[in-house]
Amino acid sequence: MALETGTKEAEIKAGIEKIVGGKRINVWTIGVTDNVDLRREAHGRPTIWHYLHAENEATAKKMEAYFKGQGMKGYNGPSGENAHNVYITW
């Protein structure tokens, strides 16, 4: 799932919460990247893969930090320049 370009913080939060459904948040991984295709490859091309295009890198990183704080696992690899895509995978 990908939302339209320039998605705002509230829309990203609502989109991720709808996908996750508030259950077993700890099995999900969240990250930010400038290239969703390469990052998906780095994760082994998982079947469950969603990304949302944030309006800027600061918004993407803020959403990543928020969901990590809620219990999601984070990805520690490089995010690239202008990493404005937030992704979740299981």
C-alpha atoms as a PDB file:
ATOM      1  CA  MET A   1       0.000   0.000   0.000  1.00  0.00           C
ATOM      2  CA  ALA A   2       1.307   3.449  -0.843  1.00  0.00           C
ATOM      3  CA  LEU A   3      -0.438   6.709  -0.144  1.00  0.00           C
ATOM      4  CA  GLU A   4      -0.208   9.717  -2.391  1.00  0.00           C
ATOM      5  CA  THR A   5       2.880  11.912  -2.499  1.00  0.00           C
ATOM      6  CA  GLY A   6       3.302  14.351   0.365  1.00  0.00           C
ATOM      7  CA  THR A   7       1.293  12.495   2.992  1.00  0.00           C
ATOM      8  CA  LYS A   8       0.983  14.384   6.255  1.00  0.00           C
ATOM      9  CA  GLU A   9       1.813  13.061   9.698  1.00  0.00           C
ATOM     10  CA  ALA A  10      -1.795  12.390  10.785  1.00  0.00           C
ATOM     11  CA  GLU A  11      -2.530  10.485   7.569  1.00  0.00           C
ATOM     12  CA  ILE A  12       0.573   8.334   7.961  1.00  0.00           C
ATOM     13  CA  LYS A  13      -0.271   7.567  11.583  1.00  0.00           C
ATOM     14  CA  ALA A  14      -3.861   6.646  10.701  1.00  0.00           C
ATOM     15  CA  GLY A  15      -2.743   4.544   7.721  1.00  0.00           C
ATOM     16  CA  ILE A  16      -0.240   2.533   9.741  1.00  0.00           C
ATOM     17  CA  GLU A  17      -2.655   2.073  12.625  1.00  0.00           C
ATOM     18  CA  LYS A  18      -5.288   0.776  10.200  1.00  0.00           C
ATOM     19  CA  ILE A  19      -2.833  -1.739   8.696  1.00  0.00           C
ATOM     20  CA  VAL A  20      -1.493  -2.947  12.044  1.00  0.00           C
ATOM     21  CA  GLY A  21      -4.883  -2.980  13.702  1.00  0.00           C
ATOM     22  CA  GLY A  22      -3.484  -2.332  17.183  1.00  0.00           C
ATOM     23  CA  LYS A  23      -2.569  -5.984  17.622  1.00  0.00           C
ATOM     24  CA  ARG A  24       0.879  -7.481  18.016  1.00  0.00           C
ATOM     25  CA  ILE A  25       2.604  -4.225  17.126  1.00  0.00           C
ATOM     26  CA  ASN A  26       5.874  -5.793  18.312  1.00  0.00           C
ATOM     27  CA  VAL A  27       6.060  -8.134  15.295  1.00  0.00           C
ATOM     28  CA  TRP A  28       6.172  -5.220  12.844  1.00  0.00           C
ATOM     29  CA  THR A  29       9.326  -3.437  11.687  1.00  0.00           C
ATOM     30  CA  ILE A  30       9.292   0.242  10.746  1.00  0.00           C
ATOM     31  CA  GLY A  31      11.888   2.271   8.920  1.00  0.00           C
ATOM     32  CA  VAL A  32      12.493   5.186   6.602  1.00  0.00           C
ATOM     33  CA  THR A  33      14.201   5.093   3.237  1.00  0.00           C
ATOM     34  CA  ASP A  34      14.808   7.067   0.096  1.00  0.00           C
ATOM     35  CA  ASN A  35      14.355   3.949  -2.080  1.00  0.00           C
ATOM     36  CA  VAL A  36      11.569   1.519  -1.146  1.00  0.00           C
ATOM     37  CA  ASP A  37      12.539  -1.072  -3.750  1.00  0.00           C
ATOM     38  CA  LEU A  38      16.124  -1.395  -2.521  1.00  0.00           C
ATOM     39  CA  ARG A  39      15.009  -1.446   1.104  1.00  0.00           C
ATOM     40  CA  ARG A  40      12.475  -4.176   0.371  1.00  0.00           C
ATOM     41  CA  GLU A  41      15.286  -6.209  -1.192  1.00  0.00           C
ATOM     42  CA  ALA A  42      17.382  -5.640   1.953  1.00  0.00           C
ATOM     43  CA  HIS A  43      14.537  -7.171   3.993  1.00  0.00           C
ATOM     44  CA  GLY A  44      14.385 -10.238   1.723  1.00  0.00           C
ATOM     45  CA  ARG A  45      11.349  -9.156  -0.356  1.00  0.00           C
ATOM     46  CA  PRO A  46       8.735  -9.779   2.370  1.00  0.00           C
ATOM     47  CA  THR A  47       5.161 -10.457   1.315  1.00  0.00           C
ATOM     48  CA  ILE A  48       3.749  -8.061   3.893  1.00  0.00           C
ATOM     49  CA  TRP A  49       5.188  -4.686   2.913  1.00  0.00           C
ATOM     50  CA  HIS A  50       3.568  -1.261   3.064  1.00  0.00           C
ATOM     51  CA  TYR A  51       5.052   2.169   2.532  1.00  0.00           C
ATOM     52  CA  LEU A  52       3.805   5.716   2.765  1.00  0.00           C
ATOM     53  CA  HIS A  53       5.403   8.755   1.178  1.00  0.00           C
ATOM     54  CA  ALA A  54       5.776  11.505   3.791  1.00  0.00           C
ATOM     55  CA  GLU A  55       5.807  15.184   2.909  1.00  0.00           C
ATOM     56  CA  ASN A  56       9.444  15.397   4.076  1.00  0.00           C
ATOM     57  CA  GLU A  57      12.201  13.481   5.833  1.00  0.00           C
ATOM     58  CA  ALA A  58      11.485  15.078   9.219  1.00  0.00           C
ATOM     59  CA  THR A  59       7.888  13.813   9.148  1.00  0.00           C
ATOM     60  CA  ALA A  60       9.051  10.333   8.127  1.00  0.00           C
ATOM     61  CA  LYS A  61      11.555  10.150  10.980  1.00  0.00           C
ATOM     62  CA  LYS A  62       9.016  11.486  13.453  1.00  0.00           C
ATOM     63  CA  MET A  63       6.579   8.705  12.505  1.00  0.00           C
ATOM     64  CA  GLU A  64       9.336   6.117  12.734  1.00  0.00           C
ATOM     65  CA  ALA A  65      10.225   7.303  16.257  1.00  0.00           C
ATOM     66  CA  TYR A  66       6.558   7.364  17.293  1.00  0.00           C
ATOM     67  CA  PHE A  67       5.865   3.768  16.245  1.00  0.00           C
ATOM     68  CA  LYS A  68       9.153   2.517  17.705  1.00  0.00           C
ATOM     69  CA  GLY A  69       7.962   4.083  20.951  1.00  0.00           C
ATOM     70  CA  GLN A  70       4.726   2.102  20.598  1.00  0.00           C
ATOM     71  CA  GLY A  71       6.693  -1.166  20.350  1.00  0.00           C
ATOM     72  CA  MET A  72       7.563  -1.656  16.677  1.00  0.00           C
ATOM     73  CA  LYS A  73      11.017  -2.913  15.832  1.00  0.00           C
ATOM     74  CA  GLY A  74      13.273  -0.554  13.924  1.00  0.00           C
ATOM     75  CA  TYR A  75      15.631  -1.153  11.028  1.00  0.00           C
ATOM     76  CA  ASN A  76      19.175  -0.001  11.722  1.00  0.00           C
ATOM     77  CA  GLY A  77      20.478   0.149   8.163  1.00  0.00           C
ATOM     78  CA  PRO A  78      21.207   3.335   6.236  1.00  0.00           C
ATOM     79  CA  SER A  79      18.171   5.328   5.125  1.00  0.00           C
ATOM     80  CA  GLY A  80      19.762   7.323   2.292  1.00  0.00           C
ATOM     81  CA  GLU A  81      19.494  11.009   1.518  1.00  0.00           C
ATOM     82  CA  ASN A  82      16.039  12.573   1.621  1.00  0.00           C
ATOM     83  CA  ALA A  83      14.517   9.473   3.228  1.00  0.00           C
ATOM     84  CA  HIS A  84      10.867  10.515   3.007  1.00  0.00           C
ATOM     85  CA  ASN A  85       9.284   7.053   2.702  1.00  0.00           C
ATOM     86  CA  VAL A  86       8.015   5.331   5.854  1.00  0.00           C
ATOM     87  CA  TYR A  87       7.658   1.576   5.510  1.00  0.00           C
ATOM     88  CA  ILE A  88       6.386  -1.247   7.688  1.00  0.00           C
ATOM     89  CA  THR A  89       6.894  -4.956   7.228  1.00  0.00           C
ATOM     90  CA  TRP A  90       6.271  -8.152   9.117  1.00  0.00           C
END
